[in-house]
Amino acid sequence: MSTVPMDAGRNSASAAPGPTWRERITRISPILILAPSLAASFVYIFVFTIWTLYISLSNSSLLPSYGFVGLDNYVSLWSNRRWNIAYSNLFFFSAFYIVGAMGIGLLLAILIDQRVRGEAIWRTIFLYPLAVSFIVTGTVWSWLYNPTDGIQMLVRSLGWTDFNFALASDRSTAIYAIIITGIWQSSGFAMALFLAGLRSVDQDLIKAAQIDGASTFRTYRRVILPIISPIFLAVAVVQIQFAIKTFDLVAALTRGGPGISTTFPAIYVYDLMFQRGQIGEGAAAAMMMLAALAVVLVPYALFVVWRHRRESRP
């Protein structure tokens, strides 16, 4: 009768070959692929943000310098009438732009959700403005707003000689020209997200509401829209980011005029840094824009984390 040593299994297990070089490369390849972009994002977001913050606290003018002056640049910034107008324009534009883009986007999504004929064509038409850059949009709409070459000239040539449509040329209405153009540009994006949400609603719930005698309007108001309510928040956050960073559209459409009536923070930052050479104050203005963006993104991120934890609880 032969006996097998007790450590034979242990020796055979220890003698098993390790992972091959192909397996090791497969295992670390995701890290190798993501590492450069993560490192660049870290430098671009955190390192440059800290550097900009320090420049905003320095006496930098035409070139960066590192003499510490505290909050002098911020005091000078907020005592400037043009900056206050730019910041108030940002909030005014954001309110009408976000509500208008979301409202029109939701309406278009509901109309397309009715399974209309030629749905693919309508979707393409409504999404087309999203494929156009803000520079192109602003340039084209500036032609339309031009009193001598645009809509006003066209309507007057048809016989309505008293017709006036010079929104972008009037200080009191120029901001509305930017709002209208921004809504035209972004409502297709809101429509796409809302339509995706509408198509994800369980059809059994809609049929149950119809069986109970609910009208189409009541079905959307009581059943469908509450279900897709998280999409409203996501669309609003994205639109707010667009609004805060608005630069190309204003630069092409009104260039901040007439006068300073349509100056936005991004326009003012560009003017301070690249036209006047006031880098310190320009960095302070950039940090104020970042603060406005953080007021939106940080609560949204916290809400997403809270909702995920609540949904993951047993």
Protein backbone atom coordinates (compact mmCIF):
# COMPACT_ATOMS: atom_id res chain seq x y z
CA MET A 1 0.00 0.00 0.00
CA SER A 2 1.54 3.29 -1.16
CA THR A 3 1.15 6.52 0.71
CA VAL A 4 0.95 10.05 -0.69
CA PRO A 5 2.77 12.78 1.24
CA MET A 6 0.41 15.29 2.87
CA ASP A 7 2.25 18.23 1.30
CA ALA A 8 1.98 16.80 -2.23
CA GLY A 9 -1.16 18.86 -2.96
CA ARG A 10 0.52 21.93 -1.53
CA ASN A 11 3.59 21.43 -3.71
CA SER A 12 1.48 20.90 -6.83
CA ALA A 13 -0.52 24.06 -6.09
CA SER A 14 2.63 26.08 -5.56
CA ALA A 15 4.05 24.74 -8.78
CA ALA A 16 1.06 26.00 -10.82
CA PRO A 17 2.14 28.53 -13.44
CA GLY A 18 1.38 32.22 -12.80
CA PRO A 19 -0.51 34.53 -15.17
CA THR A 20 1.03 34.90 -18.59
CA TRP A 21 2.30 38.22 -19.93
CA ARG A 22 -0.78 38.49 -22.13
CA GLU A 23 -3.06 38.15 -19.11
CA ARG A 24 -1.06 40.75 -17.23
CA ILE A 25 -1.25 43.22 -20.12
CA THR A 26 -5.00 42.60 -20.44
CA ARG A 27 -5.42 43.27 -16.74
CA ILE A 28 -3.51 46.56 -16.68
CA SER A 29 -4.49 47.84 -20.13
CA PRO A 30 -7.56 49.79 -18.84
CA ILE A 31 -5.29 51.57 -16.35
CA LEU A 32 -2.73 52.33 -19.05
CA ILE A 33 -5.43 53.71 -21.35
CA LEU A 34 -7.12 55.89 -18.73
CA ALA A 35 -4.00 57.11 -16.92
CA PRO A 36 -2.96 59.83 -19.43
CA SER A 37 -6.45 61.34 -19.68
CA LEU A 38 -6.91 61.20 -15.90
CA ALA A 39 -3.54 62.86 -15.33
CA ALA A 40 -4.32 65.56 -17.90
CA SER A 41 -7.76 66.14 -16.36
CA PHE A 42 -6.23 66.45 -12.90
CA VAL A 43 -3.69 69.02 -14.10
CA TYR A 44 -6.25 70.88 -16.21
CA ILE A 45 -8.92 71.07 -13.50
CA PHE A 46 -7.18 71.14 -10.13
CA VAL A 47 -3.66 72.44 -10.80
CA PHE A 48 -4.75 75.24 -13.14
CA THR A 49 -7.64 76.15 -10.85
CA ILE A 50 -5.27 76.56 -7.90
CA TRP A 51 -2.88 78.54 -10.10
CA THR A 52 -5.71 80.82 -11.30
CA LEU A 53 -6.82 81.34 -7.70
CA TYR A 54 -3.31 82.41 -6.71
CA ILE A 55 -3.03 84.74 -9.73
CA SER A 56 -6.34 86.33 -8.68
CA LEU A 57 -4.71 87.15 -5.33
CA SER A 58 -1.57 88.60 -6.90
CA ASN A 59 -0.63 91.92 -8.51
CA SER A 60 -0.33 90.39 -12.00
CA SER A 61 -0.87 92.81 -14.86
CA LEU A 62 0.43 92.16 -18.37
CA LEU A 63 2.39 89.08 -17.25
CA PRO A 64 1.88 86.84 -14.21
CA SER A 65 3.64 87.98 -11.07
CA TYR A 66 3.38 86.59 -7.60
CA GLY A 67 3.20 89.61 -5.32
CA PHE A 68 0.37 88.89 -2.92
CA VAL A 69 -2.31 91.61 -2.74
CA GLY A 70 -5.11 89.68 -1.05
CA LEU A 71 -8.65 90.43 -2.19
CA ASP A 72 -7.83 93.70 -3.94
CA ASN A 73 -8.64 92.29 -7.38
CA TYR A 74 -12.02 91.05 -6.17
CA VAL A 75 -12.83 94.42 -4.62
CA SER A 76 -11.85 96.18 -7.84
CA LEU A 77 -13.89 93.70 -9.86
CA TRP A 78 -17.13 94.11 -7.92
CA SER A 79 -16.76 97.89 -7.85
CA ASN A 80 -16.73 97.93 -11.65
CA ARG A 81 -20.10 98.79 -13.18
CA ARG A 82 -19.46 96.71 -16.31
CA TRP A 83 -18.82 93.57 -14.27
CA ASN A 84 -22.01 94.04 -12.27
CA ILE A 85 -23.97 94.42 -15.50
CA ALA A 86 -22.28 91.33 -16.91
CA TYR A 87 -23.15 89.25 -13.84
CA SER A 88 -26.75 90.46 -13.77
CA ASN A 89 -27.02 89.72 -17.51
CA LEU A 90 -25.85 86.19 -16.80
CA PHE A 91 -28.68 85.52 -14.33
CA PHE A 92 -31.27 87.23 -16.51
CA PHE A 93 -30.19 85.31 -19.59
CA SER A 94 -29.95 82.00 -17.70
CA ALA A 95 -33.48 82.22 -16.34
CA PHE A 96 -35.19 82.86 -19.69
CA TYR A 97 -32.80 80.69 -21.68
CA ILE A 98 -33.18 77.61 -19.49
CA VAL A 99 -36.95 77.88 -19.08
CA GLY A 100 -37.45 78.61 -22.79
CA ALA A 101 -35.16 75.83 -24.05
CA MET A 102 -36.66 73.27 -21.67
CA GLY A 103 -40.23 74.33 -22.42
CA ILE A 104 -39.83 74.22 -26.20
CA GLY A 105 -37.77 71.04 -25.99
CA LEU A 106 -40.45 69.33 -23.91
CA LEU A 107 -43.19 70.47 -26.28
CA LEU A 108 -41.30 69.16 -29.31
CA ALA A 109 -40.60 65.86 -27.54
CA ILE A 110 -44.29 65.40 -26.68
CA LEU A 111 -45.31 66.15 -30.26
CA ILE A 112 -42.82 63.69 -31.70
CA ASP A 113 -43.84 61.12 -29.08
CA GLN A 114 -47.26 60.95 -30.77
CA ARG A 115 -45.66 58.74 -33.47
CA VAL A 116 -46.07 61.37 -36.15
CA ARG A 117 -45.36 60.58 -39.78
CA GLY A 118 -41.79 61.33 -40.81
CA GLU A 119 -40.57 61.24 -37.22
CA ALA A 120 -36.92 60.72 -38.22
CA ILE A 121 -37.03 63.80 -40.45
CA TRP A 122 -38.53 65.96 -37.71
CA ARG A 123 -35.95 64.75 -35.20
CA THR A 124 -33.17 65.63 -37.61
CA ILE A 125 -34.58 69.10 -38.23
CA PHE A 126 -34.94 69.88 -34.53
CA LEU A 127 -31.50 68.49 -33.68
CA TYR A 128 -29.73 70.27 -36.53
CA PRO A 129 -29.05 73.52 -34.58
CA LEU A 130 -27.17 71.47 -32.00
CA ALA A 131 -24.66 70.45 -34.67
CA VAL A 132 -23.91 74.09 -35.51
CA SER A 133 -21.30 75.93 -33.46
CA PHE A 134 -22.28 78.99 -31.46
CA ILE A 135 -20.03 81.15 -33.64
CA VAL A 136 -21.92 80.11 -36.78
CA THR A 137 -25.27 80.50 -35.01
CA GLY A 138 -24.42 83.97 -33.76
CA THR A 139 -23.13 85.08 -37.16
CA VAL A 140 -26.21 83.86 -39.04
CA TRP A 141 -28.65 85.37 -36.54
CA SER A 142 -26.75 88.67 -36.59
CA TRP A 143 -27.62 88.84 -40.31
CA LEU A 144 -31.27 88.14 -39.51
CA TYR A 145 -31.32 90.87 -36.85
CA ASN A 146 -29.57 93.39 -39.09
CA PRO A 147 -32.10 96.15 -39.91
CA THR A 148 -30.70 96.76 -43.40
CA ASP A 149 -30.21 93.17 -44.56
CA GLY A 150 -32.31 90.91 -42.34
CA ILE A 151 -35.90 90.23 -41.41
CA GLN A 152 -36.80 93.90 -41.12
CA MET A 153 -35.69 94.62 -44.68
CA LEU A 154 -37.51 91.52 -45.99
CA VAL A 155 -40.83 92.41 -44.34
CA ARG A 156 -40.62 96.06 -45.42
CA SER A 157 -39.97 94.97 -49.00
CA LEU A 158 -43.30 93.11 -48.85
CA GLY A 159 -45.17 96.32 -48.11
CA TRP A 160 -45.11 96.70 -44.31
CA THR A 161 -42.92 99.81 -44.31
CA ASP A 162 -43.45 100.52 -40.59
CA PHE A 163 -42.26 97.09 -39.45
CA ASN A 164 -39.32 97.19 -37.01
CA PHE A 165 -37.21 94.20 -36.03
CA ALA A 166 -33.89 95.54 -34.76
CA LEU A 167 -33.59 93.58 -31.52
CA ALA A 168 -29.81 93.35 -31.52
CA SER A 169 -29.37 97.08 -32.25
CA ASP A 170 -31.34 98.38 -29.26
CA ARG A 171 -29.81 98.44 -25.78
CA SER A 172 -33.11 97.51 -24.15
CA THR A 173 -33.82 94.51 -26.41
CA ALA A 174 -30.37 93.18 -27.36
CA ILE A 175 -30.36 90.70 -24.45
CA TYR A 176 -33.61 89.21 -25.76
CA ALA A 177 -31.97 88.67 -29.15
CA ILE A 178 -29.33 86.54 -27.43
CA ILE A 179 -31.99 84.67 -25.46
CA ILE A 180 -34.01 83.85 -28.58
CA THR A 181 -30.90 82.68 -30.43
CA GLY A 182 -29.73 80.57 -27.49
CA ILE A 183 -33.13 78.89 -27.18
CA TRP A 184 -33.10 78.09 -30.91
CA GLN A 185 -29.65 76.54 -30.49
CA SER A 186 -30.34 74.40 -27.42
CA SER A 187 -33.99 73.38 -27.53
CA GLY A 188 -33.13 70.43 -29.78
CA PHE A 189 -30.76 69.09 -27.13
CA ALA A 190 -33.50 69.28 -24.50
CA MET A 191 -35.93 67.63 -26.93
CA ALA A 192 -33.59 64.66 -27.45
CA LEU A 193 -33.26 64.00 -23.72
CA PHE A 194 -36.95 64.46 -23.02
CA LEU A 195 -37.90 62.20 -25.93
CA ALA A 196 -35.59 59.48 -24.66
CA GLY A 197 -37.27 59.77 -21.27
CA LEU A 198 -40.77 59.64 -22.75
CA ARG A 199 -39.92 56.53 -24.73
CA SER A 200 -38.59 54.82 -21.59
CA VAL A 201 -41.91 55.05 -19.70
CA ASP A 202 -43.65 51.71 -19.20
CA GLN A 203 -46.50 51.51 -21.70
CA ASP A 204 -48.62 49.52 -19.23
CA LEU A 205 -48.86 52.59 -17.01
CA ILE A 206 -50.04 54.71 -19.93
CA LYS A 207 -52.61 52.11 -20.95
CA ALA A 208 -53.88 51.88 -17.36
CA ALA A 209 -54.37 55.66 -17.26
CA GLN A 210 -56.22 55.56 -20.58
CA ILE A 211 -58.46 52.77 -19.33
CA ASP A 212 -59.30 54.89 -16.29
CA GLY A 213 -60.50 57.60 -18.69
CA ALA A 214 -57.62 60.04 -18.29
CA SER A 215 -57.16 62.47 -21.17
CA THR A 216 -53.84 62.81 -22.98
CA PHE A 217 -53.02 66.02 -21.14
CA ARG A 218 -53.85 64.49 -17.76
CA THR A 219 -51.86 61.34 -18.58
CA TYR A 220 -48.76 63.39 -19.30
CA ARG A 221 -49.23 65.64 -16.28
CA ARG A 222 -50.09 62.95 -13.74
CA VAL A 223 -48.23 59.89 -15.00
CA ILE A 224 -45.54 60.46 -17.59
CA LEU A 225 -43.91 63.74 -16.54
CA PRO A 226 -43.53 62.75 -12.85
CA ILE A 227 -41.78 59.55 -13.95
CA ILE A 228 -39.21 61.43 -16.05
CA SER A 229 -38.73 64.21 -13.48
CA PRO A 230 -35.01 63.35 -12.96
CA ILE A 231 -34.43 64.23 -16.63
CA PHE A 232 -35.70 67.76 -15.96
CA LEU A 233 -32.96 68.25 -13.40
CA ALA A 234 -30.27 66.80 -15.67
CA VAL A 235 -31.33 69.01 -18.60
CA ALA A 236 -31.44 72.09 -16.36
CA VAL A 237 -27.92 71.45 -15.03
CA VAL A 238 -26.48 71.05 -18.53
CA GLN A 239 -28.27 74.17 -19.76
CA ILE A 240 -27.00 76.16 -16.78
CA GLN A 241 -23.45 75.15 -17.69
CA PHE A 242 -24.05 76.36 -21.25
CA ALA A 243 -25.41 79.66 -19.93
CA ILE A 244 -22.55 80.36 -17.53
CA LYS A 245 -19.92 79.68 -20.18
CA THR A 246 -21.68 81.69 -22.90
CA PHE A 247 -19.02 83.45 -24.95
CA ASP A 248 -19.09 82.46 -28.64
CA LEU A 249 -22.74 83.31 -29.12
CA VAL A 250 -22.44 86.81 -27.66
CA ALA A 251 -19.10 87.48 -29.35
CA ALA A 252 -20.54 86.68 -32.78
CA LEU A 253 -23.98 88.21 -32.27
CA THR A 254 -23.52 91.50 -30.41
CA ARG A 255 -19.87 91.59 -29.23
CA GLY A 256 -21.18 92.71 -25.87
CA GLY A 257 -23.02 95.72 -27.29
CA PRO A 258 -24.69 98.00 -27.94
CA GLY A 259 -22.46 99.68 -25.38
CA ILE A 260 -22.15 97.20 -22.53
CA SER A 261 -25.78 96.09 -22.52
CA THR A 262 -25.00 92.47 -23.46
CA THR A 263 -21.68 92.04 -21.70
CA PHE A 264 -21.35 88.60 -20.10
CA PRO A 265 -18.75 87.40 -17.57
CA ALA A 266 -16.87 85.35 -20.20
CA ILE A 267 -16.71 88.39 -22.49
CA TYR A 268 -15.45 90.52 -19.61
CA VAL A 269 -12.78 87.96 -18.64
CA TYR A 270 -11.53 87.86 -22.22
CA ASP A 271 -11.43 91.64 -22.38
CA LEU A 272 -9.50 91.94 -19.11
CA MET A 273 -6.90 89.31 -19.93
CA PHE A 274 -6.30 89.73 -23.64
CA GLN A 275 -7.34 93.32 -24.39
CA ARG A 276 -6.40 95.27 -21.27
CA GLY A 277 -3.66 93.02 -19.88
CA GLN A 278 -5.17 92.95 -16.37
CA ILE A 279 -4.47 89.29 -15.63
CA GLY A 280 -4.99 89.50 -11.88
CA GLU A 281 -8.48 90.99 -12.13
CA GLY A 282 -9.29 88.70 -15.05
CA ALA A 283 -8.36 85.69 -12.93
CA ALA A 284 -10.62 86.99 -10.17
CA ALA A 285 -13.48 87.25 -12.67
CA ALA A 286 -12.75 83.68 -13.84
CA MET A 287 -12.93 82.46 -10.25
CA MET A 288 -16.31 84.15 -9.86
CA MET A 289 -17.52 82.26 -12.92
CA LEU A 290 -16.20 79.05 -11.39
CA ALA A 291 -18.05 79.85 -8.18
CA ALA A 292 -21.30 80.32 -10.11
CA LEU A 293 -20.73 76.96 -11.80
CA ALA A 294 -19.91 75.26 -8.49
CA VAL A 295 -23.16 76.55 -6.97
CA VAL A 296 -24.94 74.44 -9.60
CA LEU A 297 -22.71 71.38 -9.95
CA VAL A 298 -21.85 70.67 -6.32
CA PRO A 299 -25.47 70.42 -5.07
CA TYR A 300 -26.35 68.35 -8.15
CA ALA A 301 -23.46 65.94 -7.49
CA LEU A 302 -24.47 65.61 -3.84
CA PHE A 303 -28.07 64.97 -4.87
CA VAL A 304 -27.00 62.24 -7.31
CA VAL A 305 -24.91 60.53 -4.63
CA TRP A 306 -27.75 60.76 -2.10
CA ARG A 307 -30.28 59.36 -4.54
CA HIS A 308 -27.96 56.50 -5.52
CA ARG A 309 -27.43 55.54 -1.89
CA ARG A 310 -31.14 55.71 -1.16
CA GLU A 311 -31.97 53.49 -4.13
CA SER A 312 -29.24 50.97 -3.19
CA ARG A 313 -30.60 50.46 0.31
CA PRO A 314 -32.38 47.11 0.82
